[in-house]
Amino acid sequence: MTAVGVRSAEEVFAALEEVGGRREPWTGYEHGLLEAFRWAVGAQVGAPVTGAAAVDAVGPCRAELLAECQAAASGIRAWTEQGRDGGRFLGAYSALAWLCGHHDDRP
């Protein structure tokens, strides 16, 4: 079974299906979740925050997931300081933190 960060690919595809199945219009938070999950499984080329392509053709390695998680955290701080809605960054951060094993509750 293929791993995506510390999660199984099955877990990630289930999360992607759940979020993608929600009624539109999606919130910024939900867009962030979708972009992070899609990038993590290789269904989206560019990372949700930095736009970086994964080094591996299948998807990002754990180090890339961690780096993107840190970029999302920086995005949250920067947008909040500017008084802007950082929901998309928060969604990406929540998904990436779960994929990296920072918490066990799936967003």
PDB file of N, CA and C in Angstrom:
ATOM      1  N   MET A   1       0.841  -1.182   0.000  1.00  0.00           N
ATOM      2  CA  MET A   1       0.000   0.000   0.000  1.00  0.00           C
ATOM      3  C   MET A   1       0.888   1.247   0.000  1.00  0.00           C
ATOM      4  N   THR A   2       0.541   2.187  -0.807  1.00  0.00           N
ATOM      5  CA  THR A   2       1.305   3.417  -0.944  1.00  0.00           C
ATOM      6  C   THR A   2       0.991   4.374   0.198  1.00  0.00           C
ATOM      7  N   ALA A   3       2.035   5.021   0.692  1.00  0.00           N
ATOM      8  CA  ALA A   3       1.853   6.003   1.757  1.00  0.00           C
ATOM      9  C   ALA A   3       1.911   7.411   1.178  1.00  0.00           C
ATOM     10  N   VAL A   4       1.112   8.294   1.751  1.00  0.00           N
ATOM     11  CA  VAL A   4       1.124   9.714   1.421  1.00  0.00           C
ATOM     12  C   VAL A   4       1.421  10.405   2.741  1.00  0.00           C
ATOM     13  N   GLY A   5       2.681  10.798   2.917  1.00  0.00           N
ATOM     14  CA  GLY A   5       3.109  11.264   4.229  1.00  0.00           C
ATOM     15  C   GLY A   5       3.038  10.082   5.175  1.00  0.00           C
ATOM     16  N   VAL A   6       2.274  10.209   6.253  1.00  0.00           N
ATOM     17  CA  VAL A   6       2.113   9.103   7.202  1.00  0.00           C
ATOM     18  C   VAL A   6       0.766   8.408   7.030  1.00  0.00           C
ATOM     19  N   ARG A   7       0.005   8.800   6.023  1.00  0.00           N
ATOM     20  CA  ARG A   7      -1.330   8.231   5.780  1.00  0.00           C
ATOM     21  C   ARG A   7      -1.290   7.255   4.610  1.00  0.00           C
ATOM     22  N   SER A   8      -2.235   6.331   4.613  1.00  0.00           N
ATOM     23  CA  SER A   8      -2.348   5.434   3.463  1.00  0.00           C
ATOM     24  C   SER A   8      -3.019   6.187   2.322  1.00  0.00           C
ATOM     25  N   ALA A   9      -2.734   5.762   1.103  1.00  0.00           N
ATOM     26  CA  ALA A   9      -3.369   6.386  -0.054  1.00  0.00           C
ATOM     27  C   ALA A   9      -4.886   6.255   0.042  1.00  0.00           C
ATOM     28  N   GLU A  10      -5.363   5.143   0.569  1.00  0.00           N
ATOM     29  CA  GLU A  10      -6.814   4.952   0.731  1.00  0.00           C
ATOM     30  C   GLU A  10      -7.417   6.034   1.616  1.00  0.00           C
ATOM     31  N   GLU A  11      -6.748   6.355   2.732  1.00  0.00           N
ATOM     32  CA  GLU A  11      -7.242   7.401   3.636  1.00  0.00           C
ATOM     33  C   GLU A  11      -7.312   8.752   2.926  1.00  0.00           C
ATOM     34  N   VAL A  12      -6.291   9.042   2.143  1.00  0.00           N
ATOM     35  CA  VAL A  12      -6.230  10.336   1.474  1.00  0.00           C
ATOM     36  C   VAL A  12      -7.297  10.429   0.379  1.00  0.00           C
ATOM     37  N   PHE A  13      -7.471   9.357  -0.383  1.00  0.00           N
ATOM     38  CA  PHE A  13      -8.507   9.376  -1.413  1.00  0.00           C
ATOM     39  C   PHE A  13      -9.897   9.474  -0.791  1.00  0.00           C
ATOM     40  N   ALA A  14     -10.091   8.867   0.367  1.00  0.00           N
ATOM     41  CA  ALA A  14     -11.382   8.984   1.071  1.00  0.00           C
ATOM     42  C   ALA A  14     -11.613  10.429   1.509  1.00  0.00           C
ATOM     43  N   ALA A  15     -10.576  11.078   2.013  1.00  0.00           N
ATOM     44  CA  ALA A  15     -10.687  12.481   2.424  1.00  0.00           C
ATOM     45  C   ALA A  15     -10.978  13.366   1.218  1.00  0.00           C
ATOM     46  N   LEU A  16     -10.293  13.106   0.123  1.00  0.00           N
ATOM     47  CA  LEU A  16     -10.493  13.868  -1.108  1.00  0.00           C
ATOM     48  C   LEU A  16     -11.920  13.699  -1.620  1.00  0.00           C
ATOM     49  N   GLU A  17     -12.426  12.483  -1.581  1.00  0.00           N
ATOM     50  CA  GLU A  17     -13.790  12.214  -2.028  1.00  0.00           C
ATOM     51  C   GLU A  17     -14.815  12.921  -1.138  1.00  0.00           C
ATOM     52  N   GLU A  18     -14.566  12.893   0.166  1.00  0.00           N
ATOM     53  CA  GLU A  18     -15.495  13.546   1.098  1.00  0.00           C
ATOM     54  C   GLU A  18     -15.568  15.049   0.854  1.00  0.00           C
ATOM     55  N   VAL A  19     -14.414  15.696   0.760  1.00  0.00           N
ATOM     56  CA  VAL A  19     -14.395  17.142   0.567  1.00  0.00           C
ATOM     57  C   VAL A  19     -14.928  17.493  -0.827  1.00  0.00           C
ATOM     58  N   GLY A  20     -14.519  16.749  -1.840  1.00  0.00           N
ATOM     59  CA  GLY A  20     -14.976  17.013  -3.203  1.00  0.00           C
ATOM     60  C   GLY A  20     -16.466  16.787  -3.388  1.00  0.00           C
ATOM     61  N   GLY A  21     -17.046  15.974  -2.535  1.00  0.00           N
ATOM     62  CA  GLY A  21     -18.470  15.686  -2.625  1.00  0.00           C
ATOM     63  C   GLY A  21     -19.355  16.693  -1.909  1.00  0.00           C
ATOM     64  N   ARG A  22     -18.735  17.642  -1.240  1.00  0.00           N
ATOM     65  CA  ARG A  22     -19.522  18.667  -0.555  1.00  0.00           C
ATOM     66  C   ARG A  22     -20.175  19.590  -1.573  1.00  0.00           C
ATOM     67  N   ARG A  23     -21.236  20.180  -1.155  1.00  0.00           N
ATOM     68  CA  ARG A  23     -21.992  21.086  -2.015  1.00  0.00           C
ATOM     69  C   ARG A  23     -21.205  22.357  -2.315  1.00  0.00           C
ATOM     70  N   GLU A  24     -21.236  22.758  -3.553  1.00  0.00           N
ATOM     71  CA  GLU A  24     -20.612  24.026  -3.947  1.00  0.00           C
ATOM     72  C   GLU A  24     -21.581  25.159  -3.688  1.00  0.00           C
ATOM     73  N   PRO A  25     -21.147  26.367  -3.491  1.00  0.00           N
ATOM     74  CA  PRO A  25     -19.765  26.820  -3.626  1.00  0.00           C
ATOM     75  C   PRO A  25     -18.931  26.434  -2.410  1.00  0.00           C
ATOM     76  N   TRP A  26     -17.706  26.042  -2.690  1.00  0.00           N
ATOM     77  CA  TRP A  26     -16.792  25.670  -1.627  1.00  0.00           C
ATOM     78  C   TRP A  26     -16.203  26.922  -0.988  1.00  0.00           C
ATOM     79  N   THR A  27     -15.907  26.800   0.296  1.00  0.00           N
ATOM     80  CA  THR A  27     -15.251  27.893   1.005  1.00  0.00           C
ATOM     81  C   THR A  27     -13.769  27.908   0.645  1.00  0.00           C
ATOM     82  N   GLY A  28     -13.095  28.968   1.032  1.00  0.00           N
ATOM     83  CA  GLY A  28     -11.641  29.015   0.838  1.00  0.00           C
ATOM     84  C   GLY A  28     -10.965  27.867   1.558  1.00  0.00           C
ATOM     85  N   TYR A  29     -11.462  27.558   2.741  1.00  0.00           N
ATOM     86  CA  TYR A  29     -10.915  26.443   3.526  1.00  0.00           C
ATOM     87  C   TYR A  29     -11.035  25.127   2.746  1.00  0.00           C
ATOM     88  N   GLU A  30     -12.201  24.881   2.172  1.00  0.00           N
ATOM     89  CA  GLU A  30     -12.410  23.646   1.413  1.00  0.00           C
ATOM     90  C   GLU A  30     -11.545  23.610   0.152  1.00  0.00           C
ATOM     91  N   HIS A  31     -11.362  24.754  -0.500  1.00  0.00           N
ATOM     92  CA  HIS A  31     -10.461  24.813  -1.654  1.00  0.00           C
ATOM     93  C   HIS A  31      -9.038  24.446  -1.235  1.00  0.00           C
ATOM     94  N   GLY A  32      -8.609  24.960  -0.090  1.00  0.00           N
ATOM     95  CA  GLY A  32      -7.278  24.631   0.414  1.00  0.00           C
ATOM     96  C   GLY A  32      -7.121  23.147   0.691  1.00  0.00           C
ATOM     97  N   LEU A  33      -8.153  22.542   1.303  1.00  0.00           N
ATOM     98  CA  LEU A  33      -8.124  21.095   1.547  1.00  0.00           C
ATOM     99  C   LEU A  33      -7.994  20.338   0.235  1.00  0.00           C
ATOM    100  N   LEU A  34      -8.856  20.668  -0.726  1.00  0.00           N
ATOM    101  CA  LEU A  34      -8.864  19.975  -2.018  1.00  0.00           C
ATOM    102  C   LEU A  34      -7.519  20.092  -2.726  1.00  0.00           C
ATOM    103  N   GLU A  35      -6.977  21.294  -2.770  1.00  0.00           N
ATOM    104  CA  GLU A  35      -5.699  21.501  -3.448  1.00  0.00           C
ATOM    105  C   GLU A  35      -4.577  20.699  -2.782  1.00  0.00           C
ATOM    106  N   ALA A  36      -4.564  20.677  -1.469  1.00  0.00           N
ATOM    107  CA  ALA A  36      -3.523  19.933  -0.755  1.00  0.00           C
ATOM    108  C   ALA A  36      -3.663  18.431  -0.985  1.00  0.00           C
ATOM    109  N   PHE A  37      -4.879  17.912  -0.870  1.00  0.00           N
ATOM    110  CA  PHE A  37      -5.084  16.476  -1.088  1.00  0.00           C
ATOM    111  C   PHE A  37      -4.776  16.089  -2.531  1.00  0.00           C
ATOM    112  N   ARG A  38      -5.209  16.897  -3.488  1.00  0.00           N
ATOM    113  CA  ARG A  38      -4.943  16.589  -4.905  1.00  0.00           C
ATOM    114  C   ARG A  38      -3.454  16.577  -5.191  1.00  0.00           C
ATOM    115  N   TRP A  39      -2.734  17.560  -4.655  1.00  0.00           N
ATOM    116  CA  TRP A  39      -1.285  17.613  -4.870  1.00  0.00           C
ATOM    117  C   TRP A  39      -0.610  16.416  -4.208  1.00  0.00           C
ATOM    118  N   ALA A  40      -1.068  16.067  -3.019  1.00  0.00           N
ATOM    119  CA  ALA A  40      -0.442  14.983  -2.259  1.00  0.00           C
ATOM    120  C   ALA A  40      -0.554  13.636  -2.969  1.00  0.00           C
ATOM    121  N   VAL A  41      -1.633  13.425  -3.714  1.00  0.00           N
ATOM    122  CA  VAL A  41      -1.799  12.140  -4.416  1.00  0.00           C
ATOM    123  C   VAL A  41      -1.351  12.212  -5.871  1.00  0.00           C
ATOM    124  N   GLY A  42      -0.807  13.343  -6.290  1.00  0.00           N
ATOM    125  CA  GLY A  42      -0.291  13.475  -7.644  1.00  0.00           C
ATOM    126  C   GLY A  42      -1.337  13.835  -8.682  1.00  0.00           C
ATOM    127  N   ALA A  43      -2.533  14.238  -8.251  1.00  0.00           N
ATOM    128  CA  ALA A  43      -3.600  14.603  -9.189  1.00  0.00           C
ATOM    129  C   ALA A  43      -3.539  16.077  -9.578  1.00  0.00           C
ATOM    130  N   GLN A  44      -2.657  16.832  -8.956  1.00  0.00           N
ATOM    131  CA  GLN A  44      -2.470  18.257  -9.242  1.00  0.00           C
ATOM    132  C   GLN A  44      -0.972  18.498  -9.261  1.00  0.00           C
ATOM    133  N   VAL A  45      -0.488  19.182 -10.274  1.00  0.00           N
ATOM    134  CA  VAL A  45       0.955  19.382 -10.428  1.00  0.00           C
ATOM    135  C   VAL A  45       1.514  20.352  -9.400  1.00  0.00           C
ATOM    136  N   GLY A  46       0.895  21.501  -9.256  1.00  0.00           N
ATOM    137  CA  GLY A  46       1.429  22.537  -8.380  1.00  0.00           C
ATOM    138  C   GLY A  46       0.956  22.412  -6.945  1.00  0.00           C
ATOM    139  N   ALA A  47       1.867  22.638  -6.016  1.00  0.00           N
ATOM    140  CA  ALA A  47       1.531  22.614  -4.588  1.00  0.00           C
ATOM    141  C   ALA A  47       0.531  23.727  -4.274  1.00  0.00           C
ATOM    142  N   PRO A  48      -0.294  23.551  -3.249  1.00  0.00           N
ATOM    143  CA  PRO A  48      -1.369  24.505  -2.979  1.00  0.00           C
ATOM    144  C   PRO A  48      -0.923  25.903  -2.565  1.00  0.00           C
ATOM    145  N   VAL A  49       0.269  26.036  -2.017  1.00  0.00           N
ATOM    146  CA  VAL A  49       0.727  27.355  -1.556  1.00  0.00           C
ATOM    147  C   VAL A  49       1.856  27.877  -2.437  1.00  0.00           C
ATOM    148  N   THR A  50       2.896  27.081  -2.616  1.00  0.00           N
ATOM    149  CA  THR A  50       4.068  27.539  -3.358  1.00  0.00           C
ATOM    150  C   THR A  50       3.969  27.312  -4.857  1.00  0.00           C
ATOM    151  N   GLY A  51       3.103  26.403  -5.268  1.00  0.00           N
ATOM    152  CA  GLY A  51       2.986  26.068  -6.686  1.00  0.00           C
ATOM    153  C   GLY A  51       4.072  25.120  -7.168  1.00  0.00           C
ATOM    154  N   ALA A  52       4.936  24.672  -6.254  1.00  0.00           N
ATOM    155  CA  ALA A  52       6.035  23.785  -6.619  1.00  0.00           C
ATOM    156  C   ALA A  52       5.516  22.421  -7.070  1.00  0.00           C
ATOM    157  N   ALA A  53       6.150  21.880  -8.076  1.00  0.00           N
ATOM    158  CA  ALA A  53       5.821  20.534  -8.531  1.00  0.00           C
ATOM    159  C   ALA A  53       6.554  19.525  -7.660  1.00  0.00           C
ATOM    160  N   ALA A  54       5.930  18.394  -7.419  1.00  0.00           N
ATOM    161  CA  ALA A  54       6.574  17.336  -6.640  1.00  0.00           C
ATOM    162  C   ALA A  54       7.749  16.776  -7.420  1.00  0.00           C
ATOM    163  N   VAL A  55       8.795  16.407  -6.708  1.00  0.00           N
ATOM    164  CA  VAL A  55       9.975  15.841  -7.352  1.00  0.00           C
ATOM    165  C   VAL A  55       9.646  14.475  -7.953  1.00  0.00           C
ATOM    166  N   ASP A  56       8.877  13.674  -7.242  1.00  0.00           N
ATOM    167  CA  ASP A  56       8.474  12.350  -7.705  1.00  0.00           C
ATOM    168  C   ASP A  56       7.240  12.486  -8.583  1.00  0.00           C
ATOM    169  N   ALA A  57       7.153  11.695  -9.615  1.00  0.00           N
ATOM    170  CA  ALA A  57       6.010  11.762 -10.537  1.00  0.00           C
ATOM    171  C   ALA A  57       4.707  11.331  -9.869  1.00  0.00           C
ATOM    172  N   VAL A  58       4.792  10.511  -8.815  1.00  0.00           N
ATOM    173  CA  VAL A  58       3.603   9.999  -8.140  1.00  0.00           C
ATOM    174  C   VAL A  58       3.009  11.029  -7.188  1.00  0.00           C
ATOM    175  N   GLY A  59       3.819  11.860  -6.612  1.00  0.00           N
ATOM    176  CA  GLY A  59       3.367  12.861  -5.645  1.00  0.00           C
ATOM    177  C   GLY A  59       4.533  13.272  -4.772  1.00  0.00           C
ATOM    178  N   PRO A  60       4.307  14.204  -3.873  1.00  0.00           N
ATOM    179  CA  PRO A  60       5.390  14.710  -3.033  1.00  0.00           C
ATOM    180  C   PRO A  60       5.827  13.709  -1.965  1.00  0.00           C
ATOM    181  N   CYS A  61       7.101  13.804  -1.601  1.00  0.00           N
ATOM    182  CA  CYS A  61       7.620  12.997  -0.504  1.00  0.00           C
ATOM    183  C   CYS A  61       7.276  13.704   0.811  1.00  0.00           C
ATOM    184  N   ARG A  62       7.568  13.051   1.916  1.00  0.00           N
ATOM    185  CA  ARG A  62       7.230  13.634   3.223  1.00  0.00           C
ATOM    186  C   ARG A  62       7.934  14.970   3.449  1.00  0.00           C
ATOM    187  N   ALA A  63       9.170  15.104   3.006  1.00  0.00           N
ATOM    188  CA  ALA A  63       9.898  16.366   3.179  1.00  0.00           C
ATOM    189  C   ALA A  63       9.199  17.494   2.407  1.00  0.00           C
ATOM    190  N   GLU A  64       8.706  17.201   1.213  1.00  0.00           N
ATOM    191  CA  GLU A  64       7.987  18.211   0.431  1.00  0.00           C
ATOM    192  C   GLU A  64       6.656  18.567   1.101  1.00  0.00           C
ATOM    193  N   LEU A  65       5.980  17.557   1.662  1.00  0.00           N
ATOM    194  CA  LEU A  65       4.739  17.813   2.389  1.00  0.00           C
ATOM    195  C   LEU A  65       4.996  18.723   3.592  1.00  0.00           C
ATOM    196  N   LEU A  66       6.071  18.438   4.325  1.00  0.00           N
ATOM    197  CA  LEU A  66       6.420  19.260   5.490  1.00  0.00           C
ATOM    198  C   LEU A  66       6.756  20.696   5.089  1.00  0.00           C
ATOM    199  N   ALA A  67       7.506  20.860   4.013  1.00  0.00           N
ATOM    200  CA  ALA A  67       7.877  22.202   3.550  1.00  0.00           C
ATOM    201  C   ALA A  67       6.632  22.982   3.121  1.00  0.00           C
ATOM    202  N   GLU A  68       5.704  22.314   2.446  1.00  0.00           N
ATOM    203  CA  GLU A  68       4.478  22.987   2.006  1.00  0.00           C
ATOM    204  C   GLU A  68       3.592  23.325   3.203  1.00  0.00           C
ATOM    205  N   CYS A  69       3.606  22.473   4.217  1.00  0.00           N
ATOM    206  CA  CYS A  69       2.860  22.730   5.447  1.00  0.00           C
ATOM    207  C   CYS A  69       3.400  23.999   6.118  1.00  0.00           C
ATOM    208  N   GLN A  70       4.717  24.150   6.161  1.00  0.00           N
ATOM    209  CA  GLN A  70       5.326  25.349   6.738  1.00  0.00           C
ATOM    210  C   GLN A  70       4.992  26.593   5.911  1.00  0.00           C
ATOM    211  N   ALA A  71       4.959  26.445   4.595  1.00  0.00           N
ATOM    212  CA  ALA A  71       4.596  27.572   3.726  1.00  0.00           C
ATOM    213  C   ALA A  71       3.150  27.983   3.978  1.00  0.00           C
ATOM    214  N   ALA A  72       2.272  27.005   4.197  1.00  0.00           N
ATOM    215  CA  ALA A  72       0.869  27.315   4.488  1.00  0.00           C
ATOM    216  C   ALA A  72       0.750  28.058   5.816  1.00  0.00           C
ATOM    217  N   ALA A  73       1.513  27.636   6.809  1.00  0.00           N
ATOM    218  CA  ALA A  73       1.497  28.324   8.107  1.00  0.00           C
ATOM    219  C   ALA A  73       1.957  29.770   7.949  1.00  0.00           C
ATOM    220  N   SER A  74       2.974  29.993   7.136  1.00  0.00           N
ATOM    221  CA  SER A  74       3.450  31.359   6.876  1.00  0.00           C
ATOM    222  C   SER A  74       2.382  32.170   6.150  1.00  0.00           C
ATOM    223  N   GLY A  75       1.679  31.532   5.224  1.00  0.00           N
ATOM    224  CA  GLY A  75       0.606  32.204   4.499  1.00  0.00           C
ATOM    225  C   GLY A  75      -0.518  32.629   5.417  1.00  0.00           C
ATOM    226  N   ILE A  76      -0.864  31.763   6.360  1.00  0.00           N
ATOM    227  CA  ILE A  76      -1.911  32.094   7.333  1.00  0.00           C
ATOM    228  C   ILE A  76      -1.510  33.338   8.112  1.00  0.00           C
ATOM    229  N   ARG A  77      -0.273  33.342   8.619  1.00  0.00           N
ATOM    230  CA  ARG A  77       0.216  34.490   9.402  1.00  0.00           C
ATOM    231  C   ARG A  77       0.216  35.773   8.574  1.00  0.00           C
ATOM    232  N   ALA A  78       0.732  35.698   7.361  1.00  0.00           N
ATOM    233  CA  ALA A  78       0.846  36.888   6.519  1.00  0.00           C
ATOM    234  C   ALA A  78      -0.521  37.464   6.176  1.00  0.00           C
ATOM    235  N   TRP A  79      -1.455  36.613   5.804  1.00  0.00           N
ATOM    236  CA  TRP A  79      -2.781  37.105   5.427  1.00  0.00           C
ATOM    237  C   TRP A  79      -3.524  37.643   6.639  1.00  0.00           C
ATOM    238  N   THR A  80      -3.362  36.999   7.788  1.00  0.00           N
ATOM    239  CA  THR A  80      -4.026  37.457   9.001  1.00  0.00           C
ATOM    240  C   THR A  80      -3.488  38.828   9.411  1.00  0.00           C
ATOM    241  N   GLU A  81      -2.183  39.009   9.311  1.00  0.00           N
ATOM    242  CA  GLU A  81      -1.576  40.292   9.652  1.00  0.00           C
ATOM    243  C   GLU A  81      -2.079  41.404   8.743  1.00  0.00           C
ATOM    244  N   GLN A  82      -2.419  41.061   7.510  1.00  0.00           N
ATOM    245  CA  GLN A  82      -2.936  42.044   6.546  1.00  0.00           C
ATOM    246  C   GLN A  82      -4.445  42.227   6.674  1.00  0.00           C
ATOM    247  N   GLY A  83      -5.066  41.495   7.584  1.00  0.00           N
ATOM    248  CA  GLY A  83      -6.504  41.586   7.756  1.00  0.00           C
ATOM    249  C   GLY A  83      -7.293  40.895   6.659  1.00  0.00           C
ATOM    250  N   ARG A  84      -6.661  39.966   5.963  1.00  0.00           N
ATOM    251  CA  ARG A  84      -7.311  39.252   4.868  1.00  0.00           C
ATOM    252  C   ARG A  84      -7.727  37.863   5.330  1.00  0.00           C
ATOM    253  N   ASP A  85      -8.651  37.261   4.609  1.00  0.00           N
ATOM    254  CA  ASP A  85      -9.131  35.922   4.928  1.00  0.00           C
ATOM    255  C   ASP A  85      -8.100  34.885   4.478  1.00  0.00           C
ATOM    256  N   GLY A  86      -7.567  34.151   5.417  1.00  0.00           N
ATOM    257  CA  GLY A  86      -6.574  33.126   5.101  1.00  0.00           C
ATOM    258  C   GLY A  86      -7.164  31.728   5.075  1.00  0.00           C
ATOM    259  N   GLY A  87      -8.458  31.620   4.780  1.00  0.00           N
ATOM    260  CA  GLY A  87      -9.136  30.324   4.805  1.00  0.00           C
ATOM    261  C   GLY A  87      -8.517  29.278   3.900  1.00  0.00           C
ATOM    262  N   ARG A  88      -8.099  29.682   2.703  1.00  0.00           N
ATOM    263  CA  ARG A  88      -7.472  28.731   1.781  1.00  0.00           C
ATOM    264  C   ARG A  88      -6.160  28.203   2.357  1.00  0.00           C
ATOM    265  N   PHE A  89      -5.384  29.097   2.965  1.00  0.00           N
ATOM    266  CA  PHE A  89      -4.130  28.669   3.594  1.00  0.00           C
ATOM    267  C   PHE A  89      -4.410  27.745   4.776  1.00  0.00           C
ATOM    268  N   LEU A  90      -5.436  28.073   5.557  1.00  0.00           N
ATOM    269  CA  LEU A  90      -5.799  27.243   6.702  1.00  0.00           C
ATOM    270  C   LEU A  90      -6.230  25.853   6.251  1.00  0.00           C
ATOM    271  N   GLY A  91      -6.994  25.768   5.173  1.00  0.00           N
ATOM    272  CA  GLY A  91      -7.402  24.470   4.638  1.00  0.00           C
ATOM    273  C   GLY A  91      -6.206  23.653   4.181  1.00  0.00           C
ATOM    274  N   ALA A  92      -5.299  24.296   3.447  1.00  0.00           N
ATOM    275  CA  ALA A  92      -4.094  23.598   2.985  1.00  0.00           C
ATOM    276  C   ALA A  92      -3.263  23.140   4.178  1.00  0.00           C
ATOM    277  N   TYR A  93      -3.100  24.036   5.161  1.00  0.00           N
ATOM    278  CA  TYR A  93      -2.326  23.687   6.354  1.00  0.00           C
ATOM    279  C   TYR A  93      -2.953  22.500   7.086  1.00  0.00           C
ATOM    280  N   SER A  94      -4.268  22.524   7.271  1.00  0.00           N
ATOM    281  CA  SER A  94      -4.956  21.450   7.995  1.00  0.00           C
ATOM    282  C   SER A  94      -4.750  20.103   7.302  1.00  0.00           C
ATOM    283  N   ALA A  95      -4.905  20.092   5.985  1.00  0.00           N
ATOM    284  CA  ALA A  95      -4.716  18.855   5.227  1.00  0.00           C
ATOM    285  C   ALA A  95      -3.264  18.382   5.308  1.00  0.00           C
ATOM    286  N   LEU A  96      -2.335  19.289   5.087  1.00  0.00           N
ATOM    287  CA  LEU A  96      -0.914  18.924   5.086  1.00  0.00           C
ATOM    288  C   LEU A  96      -0.434  18.491   6.465  1.00  0.00           C
ATOM    289  N   ALA A  97      -0.913  19.156   7.515  1.00  0.00           N
ATOM    290  CA  ALA A  97      -0.530  18.772   8.880  1.00  0.00           C
ATOM    291  C   ALA A  97      -1.037  17.364   9.184  1.00  0.00           C
ATOM    292  N   TRP A  98      -2.237  17.039   8.723  1.00  0.00           N
ATOM    293  CA  TRP A  98      -2.780  15.686   8.920  1.00  0.00           C
ATOM    294  C   TRP A  98      -1.946  14.670   8.138  1.00  0.00           C
ATOM    295  N   LEU A  99      -1.612  15.000   6.900  1.00  0.00           N
ATOM    296  CA  LEU A  99      -0.796  14.094   6.083  1.00  0.00           C
ATOM    297  C   LEU A  99       0.582  13.858   6.692  1.00  0.00           C
ATOM    298  N   CYS A 100       1.121  14.885   7.349  1.00  0.00           N
ATOM    299  CA  CYS A 100       2.458  14.784   7.957  1.00  0.00           C
ATOM    300  C   CYS A 100       2.430  14.137   9.337  1.00  0.00           C
ATOM    301  N   GLY A 101       1.239  13.891   9.874  1.00  0.00           N
ATOM    302  CA  GLY A 101       1.140  13.248  11.180  1.00  0.00           C
ATOM    303  C   GLY A 101       1.174  14.189  12.357  1.00  0.00           C
ATOM    304  N   HIS A 102       0.963  15.495  12.118  1.00  0.00           N
ATOM    305  CA  HIS A 102       0.949  16.455  13.232  1.00  0.00           C
ATOM    306  C   HIS A 102      -0.288  16.299  14.098  1.00  0.00           C
ATOM    307  N   HIS A 103      -1.353  15.745  13.528  1.00  0.00           N
ATOM    308  CA  HIS A 103      -2.562  15.432  14.294  1.00  0.00           C
ATOM    309  C   HIS A 103      -3.279  14.259  13.629  1.00  0.00           C
ATOM    310  N   ASP A 104      -4.124  13.587  14.398  1.00  0.00           N
ATOM    311  CA  ASP A 104      -4.781  12.389  13.893  1.00  0.00           C
ATOM    312  C   ASP A 104      -6.189  12.624  13.346  1.00  0.00           C
ATOM    313  N   ASP A 105      -6.781  13.758  13.671  1.00  0.00           N
ATOM    314  CA  ASP A 105      -8.146  14.031  13.213  1.00  0.00           C
ATOM    315  C   ASP A 105      -8.113  14.551  11.793  1.00  0.00           C
ATOM    316  N   ARG A 106      -8.768  13.804  10.901  1.00  0.00           N
ATOM    317  CA  ARG A 106      -8.802  14.208   9.494  1.00  0.00           C
ATOM    318  C   ARG A 106      -9.650  15.464   9.347  1.00  0.00           C
ATOM    319  N   PRO A 107      -9.121  16.464   8.663  1.00  0.00           N
ATOM    320  CA  PRO A 107      -9.884  17.711   8.470  1.00  0.00           C
ATOM    321  C   PRO A 107     -11.059  17.504   7.512  1.00  0.00           C
TER     322      PRO A 107
END
